[in-house]
All heavy atoms as atom14 arrays in JSON, in Angstrom:
{
  "sequence": "NVLFSGAYYSYTALENTNIDLYYLWLYDDIQIPVRPDGNRHTVGTRY",
  "atom14_mask": [
    [1, 1, 1, 1, 1, 1, 1, 1, 0, 0, 0, 0, 0, 0],
    [1, 1, 1, 1, 1, 1, 1, 0, 0, 0, 0, 0, 0, 0],
    [1, 1, 1, 1, 1, 1, 1, 1, 0, 0, 0, 0, 0, 0],
    [1, 1, 1, 1, 1, 1, 1, 1, 1, 1, 1, 0, 0, 0],
    [1, 1, 1, 1, 1, 1, 0, 0, 0, 0, 0, 0, 0, 0],
    [1, 1, 1, 1, 0, 0, 0, 0, 0, 0, 0, 0, 0, 0],
    [1, 1, 1, 1, 1, 0, 0, 0, 0, 0, 0, 0, 0, 0],
    [1, 1, 1, 1, 1, 1, 1, 1, 1, 1, 1, 1, 0, 0],
    [1, 1, 1, 1, 1, 1, 1, 1, 1, 1, 1, 1, 0, 0],
    [1, 1, 1, 1, 1, 1, 0, 0, 0, 0, 0, 0, 0, 0],
    [1, 1, 1, 1, 1, 1, 1, 1, 1, 1, 1, 1, 0, 0],
    [1, 1, 1, 1, 1, 1, 1, 0, 0, 0, 0, 0, 0, 0],
    [1, 1, 1, 1, 1, 0, 0, 0, 0, 0, 0, 0, 0, 0],
    [1, 1, 1, 1, 1, 1, 1, 1, 0, 0, 0, 0, 0, 0],
    [1, 1, 1, 1, 1, 1, 1, 1, 1, 0, 0, 0, 0, 0],
    [1, 1, 1, 1, 1, 1, 1, 1, 0, 0, 0, 0, 0, 0],
    [1, 1, 1, 1, 1, 1, 1, 0, 0, 0, 0, 0, 0, 0],
    [1, 1, 1, 1, 1, 1, 1, 1, 0, 0, 0, 0, 0, 0],
    [1, 1, 1, 1, 1, 1, 1, 1, 0, 0, 0, 0, 0, 0],
    [1, 1, 1, 1, 1, 1, 1, 1, 0, 0, 0, 0, 0, 0],
    [1, 1, 1, 1, 1, 1, 1, 1, 0, 0, 0, 0, 0, 0],
    [1, 1, 1, 1, 1, 1, 1, 1, 1, 1, 1, 1, 0, 0],
    [1, 1, 1, 1, 1, 1, 1, 1, 1, 1, 1, 1, 0, 0],
    [1, 1, 1, 1, 1, 1, 1, 1, 0, 0, 0, 0, 0, 0],
    [1, 1, 1, 1, 1, 1, 1, 1, 1, 1, 1, 1, 1, 1],
    [1, 1, 1, 1, 1, 1, 1, 1, 0, 0, 0, 0, 0, 0],
    [1, 1, 1, 1, 1, 1, 1, 1, 1, 1, 1, 1, 0, 0],
    [1, 1, 1, 1, 1, 1, 1, 1, 0, 0, 0, 0, 0, 0],
    [1, 1, 1, 1, 1, 1, 1, 1, 0, 0, 0, 0, 0, 0],
    [1, 1, 1, 1, 1, 1, 1, 1, 0, 0, 0, 0, 0, 0],
    [1, 1, 1, 1, 1, 1, 1, 1, 1, 0, 0, 0, 0, 0],
    [1, 1, 1, 1, 1, 1, 1, 1, 0, 0, 0, 0, 0, 0],
    [1, 1, 1, 1, 1, 1, 1, 0, 0, 0, 0, 0, 0, 0],
    [1, 1, 1, 1, 1, 1, 1, 0, 0, 0, 0, 0, 0, 0],
    [1, 1, 1, 1, 1, 1, 1, 1, 1, 1, 1, 0, 0, 0],
    [1, 1, 1, 1, 1, 1, 1, 0, 0, 0, 0, 0, 0, 0],
    [1, 1, 1, 1, 1, 1, 1, 1, 0, 0, 0, 0, 0, 0],
    [1, 1, 1, 1, 0, 0, 0, 0, 0, 0, 0, 0, 0, 0],
    [1, 1, 1, 1, 1, 1, 1, 1, 0, 0, 0, 0, 0, 0],
    [1, 1, 1, 1, 1, 1, 1, 1, 1, 1, 1, 0, 0, 0],
    [1, 1, 1, 1, 1, 1, 1, 1, 1, 1, 0, 0, 0, 0],
    [1, 1, 1, 1, 1, 1, 1, 0, 0, 0, 0, 0, 0, 0],
    [1, 1, 1, 1, 1, 1, 1, 0, 0, 0, 0, 0, 0, 0],
    [1, 1, 1, 1, 0, 0, 0, 0, 0, 0, 0, 0, 0, 0],
    [1, 1, 1, 1, 1, 1, 1, 0, 0, 0, 0, 0, 0, 0],
    [1, 1, 1, 1, 1, 1, 1, 1, 1, 1, 1, 0, 0, 0],
    [1, 1, 1, 1, 1, 1, 1, 1, 1, 1, 1, 1, 0, 0]
  ],
  "atom14_positions": [
    [[-75.53, -31.73, 50.2], [-74.34, -32.58, 50.21], [-73.16, -31.92, 49.51], [-72.04, -32.44, 49.56], [-74.64, -33.92, 49.53], [-75.67, -34.74, 50.28], [-75.55, -34.92, 51.49], [-76.69, -35.21, 49.58], [0.0, 0.0, 0.0], [0.0, 0.0, 0.0], [0.0, 0.0, 0.0], [0.0, 0.0, 0.0], [0.0, 0.0, 0.0], [0.0, 0.0, 0.0]],
    [[-73.41, -30.8, 48.84], [-72.36, -30.11, 48.09], [-72.27, -28.68, 48.59], [-73.26, -27.94, 48.6], [-72.66, -30.11, 46.57], [-71.55, -29.42, 45.81], [-72.86, -31.54, 46.06], [0.0, 0.0, 0.0], [0.0, 0.0, 0.0], [0.0, 0.0, 0.0], [0.0, 0.0, 0.0], [0.0, 0.0, 0.0], [0.0, 0.0, 0.0], [0.0, 0.0, 0.0]],
    [[-71.06, -28.29, 48.98], [-70.81, -26.91, 49.42], [-69.8, -26.27, 48.48], [-68.74, -26.84, 48.21], [-70.25, -26.88, 50.84], [-69.78, -25.51, 51.35], [-70.97, -24.56, 51.48], [-69.05, -25.65, 52.68], [0.0, 0.0, 0.0], [0.0, 0.0, 0.0], [0.0, 0.0, 0.0], [0.0, 0.0, 0.0], [0.0, 0.0, 0.0], [0.0, 0.0, 0.0]],
    [[-70.16, -25.09, 47.98], [-69.26, -24.33, 47.12], [-69.05, -22.97, 47.76], [-70.0, -22.22, 47.99], [-69.87, -24.18, 45.72], [-68.98, -23.47, 44.74], [-67.64, -23.8, 44.62], [-69.48, -22.48, 43.91], [-66.81, -23.16, 43.72], [-68.68, -21.83, 42.99], [-67.34, -22.17, 42.89], [0.0, 0.0, 0.0], [0.0, 0.0, 0.0], [0.0, 0.0, 0.0]],
    [[-67.79, -22.64, 48.06], [-67.51, -21.38, 48.74], [-66.18, -20.83, 48.26], [-65.4, -21.51, 47.58], [-67.49, -21.57, 50.26], [-66.44, -22.44, 50.63], [0.0, 0.0, 0.0], [0.0, 0.0, 0.0], [0.0, 0.0, 0.0], [0.0, 0.0, 0.0], [0.0, 0.0, 0.0], [0.0, 0.0, 0.0], [0.0, 0.0, 0.0], [0.0, 0.0, 0.0]],
    [[-65.91, -19.59, 48.64], [-64.63, -19.0, 48.26], [-64.65, -17.49, 48.31], [-65.58, -16.86, 48.83], [0.0, 0.0, 0.0], [0.0, 0.0, 0.0], [0.0, 0.0, 0.0], [0.0, 0.0, 0.0], [0.0, 0.0, 0.0], [0.0, 0.0, 0.0], [0.0, 0.0, 0.0], [0.0, 0.0, 0.0], [0.0, 0.0, 0.0], [0.0, 0.0, 0.0]],
    [[-63.59, -16.91, 47.74], [-63.44, -15.45, 47.67], [-62.82, -15.08, 46.34], [-61.89, -15.76, 45.87], [-62.57, -14.94, 48.82], [0.0, 0.0, 0.0], [0.0, 0.0, 0.0], [0.0, 0.0, 0.0], [0.0, 0.0, 0.0], [0.0, 0.0, 0.0], [0.0, 0.0, 0.0], [0.0, 0.0, 0.0], [0.0, 0.0, 0.0], [0.0, 0.0, 0.0]],
    [[-63.35, -14.02, 45.73], [-62.85, -13.56, 44.42], [-62.59, -12.06, 44.51], [-63.49, -11.27, 44.8], [-63.88, -13.85, 43.33], [-63.29, -13.83, 41.93], [-62.99, -15.01, 41.28], [-63.04, -12.64, 41.25], [-62.45, -15.03, 40.01], [-62.49, -12.63, 39.99], [-62.21, -13.83, 39.37], [-61.67, -13.83, 38.1], [0.0, 0.0, 0.0], [0.0, 0.0, 0.0]],
    [[-61.32, -11.67, 44.26], [-60.88, -10.27, 44.39], [-60.42, -9.76, 43.02], [-59.63, -10.43, 42.33], [-59.74, -10.19, 45.39], [-59.09, -8.82, 45.5], [-59.65, -7.82, 46.29], [-57.91, -8.53, 44.81], [-59.06, -6.58, 46.39], [-57.32, -7.29, 44.91], [-57.9, -6.31, 45.7], [-57.31, -5.08, 45.79], [0.0, 0.0, 0.0], [0.0, 0.0, 0.0]],
    [[-60.91, -8.58, 42.65], [-60.53, -7.95, 41.38], [-59.98, -6.55, 41.64], [-60.67, -5.71, 42.24], [-61.73, -7.84, 40.43], [-62.19, -9.11, 40.05], [0.0, 0.0, 0.0], [0.0, 0.0, 0.0], [0.0, 0.0, 0.0], [0.0, 0.0, 0.0], [0.0, 0.0, 0.0], [0.0, 0.0, 0.0], [0.0, 0.0, 0.0], [0.0, 0.0, 0.0]],
    [[-58.76, -6.31, 41.18], [-58.11, -5.0, 41.31], [-58.25, -4.26, 39.99], [-57.82, -4.75, 38.94], [-56.64, -5.18, 41.67], [-55.88, -3.88, 41.86], [-56.13, -3.07, 42.96], [-54.91, -3.5, 40.94], [-55.43, -1.88, 43.13], [-54.2, -2.32, 41.12], [-54.47, -1.51, 42.21], [-53.78, -0.34, 42.38], [0.0, 0.0, 0.0], [0.0, 0.0, 0.0]],
    [[-58.87, -3.07, 40.03], [-59.22, -2.36, 38.79], [-58.65, -0.95, 38.73], [-59.1, -0.13, 37.92], [-60.76, -2.29, 38.66], [-61.3, -1.64, 39.83], [-61.37, -3.68, 38.53], [0.0, 0.0, 0.0], [0.0, 0.0, 0.0], [0.0, 0.0, 0.0], [0.0, 0.0, 0.0], [0.0, 0.0, 0.0], [0.0, 0.0, 0.0], [0.0, 0.0, 0.0]],
    [[-57.66, -0.63, 39.58], [-57.15, 0.74, 39.63], [-56.35, 1.12, 38.39], [-56.27, 2.3, 38.03], [-56.29, 0.92, 40.88], [0.0, 0.0, 0.0], [0.0, 0.0, 0.0], [0.0, 0.0, 0.0], [0.0, 0.0, 0.0], [0.0, 0.0, 0.0], [0.0, 0.0, 0.0], [0.0, 0.0, 0.0], [0.0, 0.0, 0.0], [0.0, 0.0, 0.0]],
    [[-55.74, 0.14, 37.71], [-54.95, 0.43, 36.52], [-55.87, 0.57, 35.3], [-56.79, -0.22, 35.12], [-53.92, -0.68, 36.28], [-52.96, -0.96, 37.43], [-52.05, -2.14, 37.1], [-52.13, 0.28, 37.74], [0.0, 0.0, 0.0], [0.0, 0.0, 0.0], [0.0, 0.0, 0.0], [0.0, 0.0, 0.0], [0.0, 0.0, 0.0], [0.0, 0.0, 0.0]],
    [[-55.59, 1.54, 34.46], [-56.46, 1.82, 33.32], [-56.5, 0.62, 32.35], [-55.46, 0.06, 31.99], [-55.98, 3.07, 32.57], [-56.9, 3.5, 31.45], [-56.41, 4.78, 30.78], [-55.3, 5.24, 31.13], [-57.14, 5.31, 29.92], [0.0, 0.0, 0.0], [0.0, 0.0, 0.0], [0.0, 0.0, 0.0], [0.0, 0.0, 0.0], [0.0, 0.0, 0.0]],
    [[-57.72, 0.26, 31.96], [-57.94, -0.83, 31.0], [-57.32, -2.16, 31.44], [-56.97, -3.0, 30.62], [-57.38, -0.46, 29.61], [-58.09, 0.73, 29.0], [-59.3, 0.87, 29.13], [-57.33, 1.6, 28.34], [0.0, 0.0, 0.0], [0.0, 0.0, 0.0], [0.0, 0.0, 0.0], [0.0, 0.0, 0.0], [0.0, 0.0, 0.0], [0.0, 0.0, 0.0]],
    [[-57.2, -2.36, 32.75], [-56.53, -3.56, 33.27], [-57.32, -4.15, 34.43], [-57.85, -3.42, 35.26], [-55.1, -3.21, 33.75], [-54.37, -2.62, 32.67], [-54.38, -4.46, 34.24], [0.0, 0.0, 0.0], [0.0, 0.0, 0.0], [0.0, 0.0, 0.0], [0.0, 0.0, 0.0], [0.0, 0.0, 0.0], [0.0, 0.0, 0.0], [0.0, 0.0, 0.0]],
    [[-57.39, -5.47, 34.46], [-57.97, -6.21, 35.58], [-56.95, -7.22, 36.1], [-56.36, -7.96, 35.31], [-59.23, -6.96, 35.17], [-60.48, -6.14, 35.4], [-60.71, -5.16, 34.71], [-61.3, -6.56, 36.36], [0.0, 0.0, 0.0], [0.0, 0.0, 0.0], [0.0, 0.0, 0.0], [0.0, 0.0, 0.0], [0.0, 0.0, 0.0], [0.0, 0.0, 0.0]],
    [[-56.78, -7.26, 37.41], [-55.94, -8.28, 38.05], [-56.81, -8.98, 39.09], [-57.29, -8.35, 40.03], [-54.7, -7.66, 38.71], [-53.85, -6.93, 37.67], [-53.88, -8.74, 39.4], [-52.68, -6.17, 38.26], [0.0, 0.0, 0.0], [0.0, 0.0, 0.0], [0.0, 0.0, 0.0], [0.0, 0.0, 0.0], [0.0, 0.0, 0.0], [0.0, 0.0, 0.0]],
    [[-57.03, -10.28, 38.9], [-57.91, -11.04, 39.77], [-57.11, -12.07, 40.57], [-56.18, -12.69, 40.05], [-58.98, -11.79, 38.97], [-59.87, -10.85, 38.18], [-59.83, -9.63, 38.44], [-60.61, -11.35, 37.31], [0.0, 0.0, 0.0], [0.0, 0.0, 0.0], [0.0, 0.0, 0.0], [0.0, 0.0, 0.0], [0.0, 0.0, 0.0], [0.0, 0.0, 0.0]],
    [[-57.51, -12.26, 41.81], [-57.0, -13.32, 42.67], [-58.19, -14.04, 43.27], [-59.16, -13.39, 43.69], [-56.11, -12.76, 43.79], [-54.86, -11.98, 43.37], [-54.24, -11.29, 44.58], [-53.85, -12.92, 42.71], [0.0, 0.0, 0.0], [0.0, 0.0, 0.0], [0.0, 0.0, 0.0], [0.0, 0.0, 0.0], [0.0, 0.0, 0.0], [0.0, 0.0, 0.0]],
    [[-58.13, -15.37, 43.33], [-59.3, -16.08, 43.87], [-58.92, -17.38, 44.55], [-57.89, -18.0, 44.28], [-60.34, -16.34, 42.78], [-59.85, -17.08, 41.56], [-59.8, -18.48, 41.52], [-59.44, -16.39, 40.42], [-59.38, -19.15, 40.39], [-59.01, -17.06, 39.28], [-58.99, -18.44, 39.28], [-58.57, -19.11, 38.15], [0.0, 0.0, 0.0], [0.0, 0.0, 0.0]],
    [[-59.81, -17.76, 45.48], [-59.74, -19.05, 46.16], [-61.14, -19.65, 46.11], [-62.13, -19.0, 46.5], [-59.29, -18.89, 47.6], [-59.57, -20.12, 48.45], [-58.78, -21.26, 48.31], [-60.61, -20.14, 49.37], [-59.05, -22.4, 49.07], [-60.88, -21.26, 50.14], [-60.1, -22.39, 49.98], [-60.37, -23.51, 50.72], [0.0, 0.0, 0.0], [0.0, 0.0, 0.0]],
    [[-61.25, -20.89, 45.64], [-62.53, -21.58, 45.52], [-62.42, -22.93, 46.22], [-61.43, -23.65, 46.06], [-62.91, -21.79, 44.05], [-62.92, -20.54, 43.17], [-63.14, -20.92, 41.71], [-63.98, -19.54, 43.63], [0.0, 0.0, 0.0], [0.0, 0.0, 0.0], [0.0, 0.0, 0.0], [0.0, 0.0, 0.0], [0.0, 0.0, 0.0], [0.0, 0.0, 0.0]],
    [[-63.46, -23.28, 46.97], [-63.49, -24.57, 47.66], [-64.79, -25.29, 47.31], [-65.88, -24.76, 47.52], [-63.39, -24.38, 49.18], [-63.51, -25.66, 49.96], [-63.03, -26.89, 49.6], [-64.14, -25.83, 51.23], [-63.32, -27.82, 50.56], [-64.0, -27.2, 51.58], [-64.79, -24.98, 52.11], [-64.5, -27.72, 52.77], [-65.29, -25.49, 53.3], [-65.14, -26.84, 53.62]],
    [[-64.66, -26.5, 46.76], [-65.81, -27.33, 46.44], [-65.73, -28.61, 47.26], [-64.75, -29.36, 47.16], [-65.85, -27.66, 44.95], [-67.04, -28.51, 44.5], [-68.34, -27.71, 44.61], [-66.86, -29.0, 43.07], [0.0, 0.0, 0.0], [0.0, 0.0, 0.0], [0.0, 0.0, 0.0], [0.0, 0.0, 0.0], [0.0, 0.0, 0.0], [0.0, 0.0, 0.0]],
    [[-66.76, -28.86, 48.06], [-66.81, -30.06, 48.88], [-68.06, -30.85, 48.5], [-69.18, -30.37, 48.64], [-66.84, -29.71, 50.37], [-66.98, -30.94, 51.25], [-65.89, -31.78, 51.46], [-68.18, -31.26, 51.85], [-66.01, -32.92, 52.25], [-68.31, -32.38, 52.64], [-67.22, -33.21, 52.84], [-67.35, -34.33, 53.62], [0.0, 0.0, 0.0], [0.0, 0.0, 0.0]],
    [[-67.86, -32.09, 48.04], [-68.96, -32.97, 47.63], [-68.97, -34.17, 48.55], [-68.06, -35.0, 48.52], [-68.77, -33.39, 46.17], [-69.91, -34.27, 45.66], [-70.88, -34.48, 46.42], [-69.84, -34.74, 44.52], [0.0, 0.0, 0.0], [0.0, 0.0, 0.0], [0.0, 0.0, 0.0], [0.0, 0.0, 0.0], [0.0, 0.0, 0.0], [0.0, 0.0, 0.0]],
    [[-70.01, -34.28, 49.38], [-70.08, -35.34, 50.37], [-70.39, -36.7, 49.74], [-70.1, -37.74, 50.32], [-71.14, -35.0, 51.41], [-71.05, -35.89, 52.64], [-69.93, -36.2, 53.07], [-72.11, -36.29, 53.17], [0.0, 0.0, 0.0], [0.0, 0.0, 0.0], [0.0, 0.0, 0.0], [0.0, 0.0, 0.0], [0.0, 0.0, 0.0], [0.0, 0.0, 0.0]],
    [[-71.0, -36.71, 48.55], [-71.31, -37.95, 47.84], [-70.46, -37.96, 46.58], [-70.81, -37.39, 45.55], [-72.81, -38.04, 47.48], [-73.66, -37.94, 48.76], [-73.09, -39.34, 46.75], [-75.15, -37.95, 48.49], [0.0, 0.0, 0.0], [0.0, 0.0, 0.0], [0.0, 0.0, 0.0], [0.0, 0.0, 0.0], [0.0, 0.0, 0.0], [0.0, 0.0, 0.0]],
    [[-69.31, -38.64, 46.64], [-68.38, -38.63, 45.52], [-68.73, -39.74, 44.52], [-69.13, -40.84, 44.91], [-66.95, -38.81, 46.02], [-66.51, -37.7, 46.96], [-65.05, -37.84, 47.32], [-64.22, -38.23, 46.52], [-64.73, -37.5, 48.57], [0.0, 0.0, 0.0], [0.0, 0.0, 0.0], [0.0, 0.0, 0.0], [0.0, 0.0, 0.0], [0.0, 0.0, 0.0]],
    [[-68.58, -39.43, 43.25], [-68.84, -40.37, 42.16], [-67.52, -40.69, 41.48], [-66.8, -39.77, 41.06], [-69.84, -39.76, 41.15], [-71.17, -39.46, 41.87], [-70.07, -40.71, 39.98], [-72.18, -38.78, 40.99], [0.0, 0.0, 0.0], [0.0, 0.0, 0.0], [0.0, 0.0, 0.0], [0.0, 0.0, 0.0], [0.0, 0.0, 0.0], [0.0, 0.0, 0.0]],
    [[-67.17, -41.97, 41.35], [-65.84, -42.33, 40.83], [-65.52, -41.77, 39.45], [-64.38, -41.44, 39.16], [-65.89, -43.87, 40.81], [-66.9, -44.23, 41.85], [-67.93, -43.14, 41.81], [0.0, 0.0, 0.0], [0.0, 0.0, 0.0], [0.0, 0.0, 0.0], [0.0, 0.0, 0.0], [0.0, 0.0, 0.0], [0.0, 0.0, 0.0], [0.0, 0.0, 0.0]],
    [[-66.51, -41.67, 38.57], [-66.25, -41.24, 37.19], [-66.25, -39.72, 37.04], [-66.07, -39.21, 35.94], [-67.27, -41.87, 36.22], [-67.14, -43.38, 36.24], [-68.69, -41.45, 36.58], [0.0, 0.0, 0.0], [0.0, 0.0, 0.0], [0.0, 0.0, 0.0], [0.0, 0.0, 0.0], [0.0, 0.0, 0.0], [0.0, 0.0, 0.0], [0.0, 0.0, 0.0]],
    [[-66.48, -38.99, 38.12], [-66.55, -37.53, 38.02], [-65.52, -36.9, 38.95], [-65.43, -37.27, 40.12], [-67.95, -37.05, 38.41], [-68.12, -35.53, 38.34], [-69.53, -35.11, 38.7], [-69.84, -35.34, 40.1], [-71.05, -35.23, 40.62], [-72.07, -34.95, 39.84], [-71.25, -35.44, 41.92], [0.0, 0.0, 0.0], [0.0, 0.0, 0.0], [0.0, 0.0, 0.0]],
    [[-64.72, -35.96, 38.45], [-63.82, -35.24, 39.35], [-64.62, -34.33, 40.28], [-65.34, -33.45, 39.83], [-62.94, -34.43, 38.39], [-63.75, -34.29, 37.15], [-64.6, -35.51, 37.06], [0.0, 0.0, 0.0], [0.0, 0.0, 0.0], [0.0, 0.0, 0.0], [0.0, 0.0, 0.0], [0.0, 0.0, 0.0], [0.0, 0.0, 0.0], [0.0, 0.0, 0.0]],
    [[-64.55, -34.58, 41.56], [-65.27, -33.74, 42.53], [-64.53, -33.82, 43.86], [-63.44, -33.31, 43.99], [-66.75, -34.14, 42.64], [-66.97, -35.65, 42.78], [-66.02, -36.36, 43.2], [-68.07, -36.13, 42.49], [0.0, 0.0, 0.0], [0.0, 0.0, 0.0], [0.0, 0.0, 0.0], [0.0, 0.0, 0.0], [0.0, 0.0, 0.0], [0.0, 0.0, 0.0]],
    [[-65.13, -34.44, 44.87], [-64.46, -34.62, 46.15], [-64.31, -33.34, 46.94], [-65.19, -32.49, 46.98], [0.0, 0.0, 0.0], [0.0, 0.0, 0.0], [0.0, 0.0, 0.0], [0.0, 0.0, 0.0], [0.0, 0.0, 0.0], [0.0, 0.0, 0.0], [0.0, 0.0, 0.0], [0.0, 0.0, 0.0], [0.0, 0.0, 0.0], [0.0, 0.0, 0.0]],
    [[-63.17, -33.19, 47.58], [-62.85, -32.04, 48.42], [-61.7, -31.29, 47.75], [-60.54, -31.63, 47.94], [-62.48, -32.51, 49.82], [-62.22, -31.36, 50.77], [-62.48, -30.2, 50.45], [-61.69, -31.67, 51.93], [0.0, 0.0, 0.0], [0.0, 0.0, 0.0], [0.0, 0.0, 0.0], [0.0, 0.0, 0.0], [0.0, 0.0, 0.0], [0.0, 0.0, 0.0]],
    [[-62.03, -30.27, 46.94], [-61.03, -29.61, 46.11], [-60.91, -28.13, 46.46], [-61.91, -27.41, 46.54], [-61.38, -29.75, 44.62], [-61.2, -31.16, 44.09], [-61.59, -31.26, 42.62], [-61.4, -32.61, 42.13], [-60.44, -32.97, 41.28], [-59.61, -32.07, 40.8], [-60.34, -34.23, 40.87], [0.0, 0.0, 0.0], [0.0, 0.0, 0.0], [0.0, 0.0, 0.0]],
    [[-59.67, -27.69, 46.61], [-59.35, -26.28, 46.8], [-58.66, -25.77, 45.54], [-57.77, -26.43, 45.01], [-58.41, -26.11, 48.0], [-58.93, -26.7, 49.27], [-59.66, -25.98, 50.19], [-58.84, -27.97, 49.76], [-59.98, -26.76, 51.2], [-59.51, -27.97, 50.96], [0.0, 0.0, 0.0], [0.0, 0.0, 0.0], [0.0, 0.0, 0.0], [0.0, 0.0, 0.0]],
    [[-59.08, -24.6, 45.07], [-58.5, -24.01, 43.87], [-58.01, -22.6, 44.18], [-58.76, -21.77, 44.7], [-59.54, -23.93, 42.73], [-60.09, -25.22, 42.48], [-58.9, -23.4, 41.46], [0.0, 0.0, 0.0], [0.0, 0.0, 0.0], [0.0, 0.0, 0.0], [0.0, 0.0, 0.0], [0.0, 0.0, 0.0], [0.0, 0.0, 0.0], [0.0, 0.0, 0.0]],
    [[-56.74, -22.35, 43.88], [-56.19, -20.99, 43.98], [-55.77, -20.57, 42.58], [-55.19, -21.36, 41.83], [-55.0, -20.92, 44.96], [-55.47, -21.12, 46.38], [-53.94, -21.96, 44.62], [0.0, 0.0, 0.0], [0.0, 0.0, 0.0], [0.0, 0.0, 0.0], [0.0, 0.0, 0.0], [0.0, 0.0, 0.0], [0.0, 0.0, 0.0], [0.0, 0.0, 0.0]],
    [[-56.1, -19.34, 42.22], [-55.79, -18.91, 40.86], [-55.67, -17.41, 40.73], [-55.96, -16.65, 41.66], [0.0, 0.0, 0.0], [0.0, 0.0, 0.0], [0.0, 0.0, 0.0], [0.0, 0.0, 0.0], [0.0, 0.0, 0.0], [0.0, 0.0, 0.0], [0.0, 0.0, 0.0], [0.0, 0.0, 0.0], [0.0, 0.0, 0.0], [0.0, 0.0, 0.0]],
    [[-55.27, -16.99, 39.55], [-55.13, -15.57, 39.25], [-55.43, -15.33, 37.77], [-55.32, -16.25, 36.95], [-53.7, -15.08, 39.59], [-53.62, -13.67, 39.36], [-52.66, -15.78, 38.72], [0.0, 0.0, 0.0], [0.0, 0.0, 0.0], [0.0, 0.0, 0.0], [0.0, 0.0, 0.0], [0.0, 0.0, 0.0], [0.0, 0.0, 0.0], [0.0, 0.0, 0.0]],
    [[-55.8, -14.11, 37.47], [-56.12, -13.74, 36.09], [-55.64, -12.31, 35.83], [-55.76, -11.44, 36.7], [-57.63, -13.83, 35.85], [-58.1, -13.25, 34.53], [-59.6, -13.43, 34.32], [-60.07, -12.64, 33.2], [-60.69, -11.47, 33.29], [-60.96, -10.96, 34.48], [-61.06, -10.8, 32.21], [0.0, 0.0, 0.0], [0.0, 0.0, 0.0], [0.0, 0.0, 0.0]],
    [[-55.1, -12.1, 34.63], [-54.66, -10.77, 34.21], [-55.27, -10.48, 32.85], [-55.15, -11.28, 31.92], [-53.13, -10.73, 34.11], [-52.58, -9.43, 33.57], [-52.36, -8.34, 34.41], [-52.29, -9.28, 32.22], [-51.85, -7.14, 33.93], [-51.78, -8.09, 31.72], [-51.57, -7.03, 32.57], [-51.07, -5.85, 32.07], [0.0, 0.0, 0.0], [0.0, 0.0, 0.0]]
  ]
}
């Protein structure tokens, strides 16, 4: 009932440096009112 999928990319060409880009998708077919879940898309970055 729960699908978790996505893509995570890390660029490491620069010395001592990481640059990350990612997309995460969480789909919960049985939603619970007191819990954040549902059908959520997350886009993010990290340096």
